[in-house]
């Protein structure tokens, strides 16, 4: 994996990405899969800024590996699923 985004230790059910195709090493879905998305939201809690930075680094690495994929699709896949904060009036 490029960009230093791979965790140093992972278990058989960690849903970590397999590069260069950026599929889930556990379930085979496009990474981040639904399970990993839920786990990331739980792990990062209210710290959406740090989660966004992490996913942005993954997006950058995936963009290098998946050059044939349109950038907008990758952006939706890696960052577009994040919940948006509510804005006050």
Protein backbone atom coordinates (compact mmCIF):
# COMPACT_ATOMS: atom_id res chain seq x y z
CA UNK A 1 0.00 0.00 0.00
CA UNK A 2 1.26 3.45 -0.76
CA UNK A 3 1.12 6.57 1.37
CA UNK A 4 1.65 4.85 4.71
CA UNK A 5 -2.06 4.27 5.25
CA UNK A 6 -1.93 0.57 6.13
CA UNK A 7 -2.28 -0.31 9.80
CA UNK A 8 0.78 -2.00 11.23
CA UNK A 9 -1.15 -4.93 12.70
CA UNK A 10 -4.38 -6.38 11.44
CA UNK A 11 -6.47 -9.39 12.28
CA UNK A 12 -8.49 -11.66 10.03
CA UNK A 13 -11.67 -9.59 10.52
CA UNK A 14 -10.24 -6.06 10.36
CA UNK A 15 -11.62 -5.22 6.90
CA UNK A 16 -8.33 -3.66 5.82
CA UNK A 17 -7.76 -2.67 2.18
CA UNK A 18 -5.97 -4.88 -0.31
CA UNK A 19 -3.98 -2.92 -2.79
CA UNK A 20 -3.61 -2.18 -5.62
CA UNK A 21 -7.31 -2.90 -6.24
CA UNK A 22 -8.51 -1.31 -2.98
CA UNK A 23 -10.89 -4.10 -2.08
CA UNK A 24 -11.63 -5.27 1.44
CA UNK A 25 -9.31 -8.05 2.55
CA UNK A 26 -12.12 -9.62 4.59
CA UNK A 27 -15.33 -9.38 2.52
CA UNK A 28 -14.02 -8.46 -0.95
CA UNK A 29 -16.19 -5.35 -1.36
CA UNK A 30 -14.80 -2.02 -2.49
CA UNK A 31 -12.88 -0.51 0.41
CA UNK A 32 -13.99 1.05 2.69
CA UNK A 33 -16.76 -1.55 2.87
CA UNK A 34 -19.91 -1.01 4.94
CA UNK A 35 -18.42 -2.80 7.94
CA UNK A 36 -15.22 -0.74 7.83
CA UNK A 37 -17.20 2.49 7.46
CA UNK A 38 -19.20 1.68 10.59
CA UNK A 39 -16.02 0.78 12.47
CA UNK A 40 -14.27 3.97 11.38
CA UNK A 41 -17.20 6.09 12.55
CA UNK A 42 -17.14 4.30 15.89
CA UNK A 43 -13.36 4.52 16.24
CA UNK A 44 -13.08 8.21 15.39
CA UNK A 45 -16.28 9.26 17.17
CA UNK A 46 -16.78 12.99 16.92
CA UNK A 47 -13.32 13.60 15.49
CA UNK A 48 -14.49 13.82 11.88
CA UNK A 49 -11.59 16.08 10.90
CA UNK A 50 -8.99 13.41 11.71
CA UNK A 51 -11.11 10.73 10.03
CA UNK A 52 -11.34 12.94 6.93
CA UNK A 53 -7.55 13.38 6.88
CA UNK A 54 -7.07 9.61 7.19
CA UNK A 55 -9.54 8.86 4.42
CA UNK A 56 -8.04 11.64 2.29
CA UNK A 57 -4.65 9.96 2.53
CA UNK A 58 -6.25 6.67 1.53
CA UNK A 59 -7.94 8.44 -1.40
CA UNK A 60 -4.61 9.86 -2.53
CA UNK A 61 -2.97 6.42 -2.43
CA UNK A 62 -5.93 4.79 -4.19
CA UNK A 63 -5.85 7.48 -6.88
CA UNK A 64 -2.31 6.36 -7.72
CA UNK A 65 -3.29 2.67 -7.79
CA UNK A 66 -6.64 3.12 -9.57
CA UNK A 67 -5.66 5.65 -12.22
CA UNK A 68 -8.37 4.46 -14.63
CA UNK A 69 -11.16 5.25 -12.13
CA UNK A 70 -12.79 8.68 -12.42
CA UNK A 71 -11.70 10.92 -9.55
CA UNK A 72 -15.27 11.82 -8.59
CA UNK A 73 -16.18 8.18 -8.08
CA UNK A 74 -13.17 7.61 -5.86
CA UNK A 75 -13.95 10.74 -3.88
CA UNK A 76 -17.51 9.54 -3.29
CA UNK A 77 -16.25 6.10 -2.33
CA UNK A 78 -13.64 7.28 0.17
CA UNK A 79 -15.07 10.52 1.54
CA UNK A 80 -18.59 11.04 0.19
CA UNK A 81 -20.20 8.66 2.70
CA UNK A 82 -19.10 10.66 5.75
CA UNK A 83 -21.99 12.20 7.68
CA UNK A 84 -22.19 15.96 7.26
CA UNK A 85 -22.32 18.12 10.38
CA UNK A 86 -25.52 20.04 10.94
CA UNK A 87 -25.24 23.75 10.40
CA UNK A 88 -26.95 26.18 12.72
CA UNK A 89 -29.02 29.07 11.44
